[in-house]
Amino acid sequence: MSQASCPPDPRALAERLFGALAEIGCDPPGITRDAYGDGEQRAFETIASTAQSLGGSIERDAAANLYCRFAGASPELPMWVSGSHLDSVPHGGNFDGAAGVIAPLCALAKLAAEGRRPLRDVVVAAFRAEESTWFPLSYPGSRAAFGMLDAEALRLTRADSGRSLADHLRECGGDPERVAAGEAWLEPARLHGFIELHIEQGPLLEHRGAPLGVVSGISGSFRYRRARLLGTHGHSGAVPRELRQDTVFAFAALVGELDALWSDLERRGERATITCGQVHTDPTVDAFSKIPGELGFCLDVRSEREGTLLEIEDALGAMLARIERERGVRAELGERTSSRPARMDPGLRRLLREAAERAGLDPPTLPSGAGHDAATFSHQGVPSAMLFVRNQHGSHNPEEAMALEDFFDASSVLAEVLAQ
């Protein structure tokens, strides 16, 4: 950040940027900033123009990710990167992702106001399309930043438009041919580390009365987005239980067995989550007095441990085989997508904790059940860490909330680490 100019007040900067992004994404009852669409694009332009006004130099890569570089005292040193994403789920909240892009700008403004300059260059990054509700893959923006997004991924279609990732990327100023060729903007050897600030999205910090926490690791996952159970339609009053091929009761049996497995894992101290966020029969075919012969559902399984994911997936196969045999139905799970767990760097976690303790804070350590771009950095061998900020009312919903005092506590901790 330019030392000659008068640095902005970090609080005023945060309030202005959160307000601008809320206006861009306003989509009652919540916020929608569509990945590789108008909402995300306008948010990127807002951050770029603000960073430039603060003295940052602006660069974009072939995937249209944004990098705002602020010069440190020793630019020859490997640089810090700090950032997150600016897209949202449909009708979500304003802080998911955006807090992690605004925070390093506020951290640098704080250092400048105190007459301090980071030792090394700091790049504030905004990555595209982190929310997998838009495209059926994890972290396409940050993966492309490392040259890790192939032509097959670029052919995947956006959930609402049916058009390819390549088409949407091109419309936002990117170059899908260069992405498919593996062109990278980020090189691990040039990076000192990556720190992502993010709202927690869960209730643990709120429950513990802690404004912020240090993340131990990011869960991996396996997902089936378009699974089906196939049975036989029939008259609700004419077919006895033992002759039915009822997909709703078969699904109920599956959910019951998954819940029992989850409970057993918790008793053994294994952390995981199992979610069926969509369950449906076809209202144009099924009726009040009709046995449902087809049921669609999705399955999202997450854990910090690869072994736990493998155990659940093995158990899932055995459950489905048993239910098929006992209930007379057939299971089709469809396409499987997955992501690997990511461990956060112990050294960076220590730096964050020490900075928090110097500020009179006692941050708990907690896992991230949600996926984040920090996982991409970790998988590329870049020392990576995350700070969680307490938020109220959960996330991915219009009631998502975050106290600015908590945000400033966390961004101040971030500033102390980025200064090093």
Foldseek 3Di string as FASTA:
>chain_A
DDLVDQQDQLVVLVVVLLVVLCVLQPDPPAGFQAFLDRSQLVNLVVLVVVLVVRPWDWDAAQQRKIKTKDFAPDAVAQAEEWAFEQGAFVQWYSFFRVLRLSLLVSLCSVCSNVVAGAHYMYIRIYFTDQDCLFWPAHRPRLCLQQLNDAPVQQQTGTPPPRHGNCVSSVVSPHHVVCSNVSDHNDDQVSHQFYETEGAQLDCPCVVVVAFKAWEFWEKKKKKQAKKKKFFDKDFQPPADQQRGLARVVLVVQLVVVLVVVQVVCVVVVFDKDKDWPDKDADPVPDDPGMRGRMMIIMIMMIGLDPVVNVVSVVVSVVSQVVSCVRNVIHIDRPDMYMGHMFGAAPVVSVLLQVLLVVVVGHHYYYHRHDDTSQRVCRVSVGHYIYMHGYWPPGISHRVIGHDVVSSVSNSNSVSVVSSD
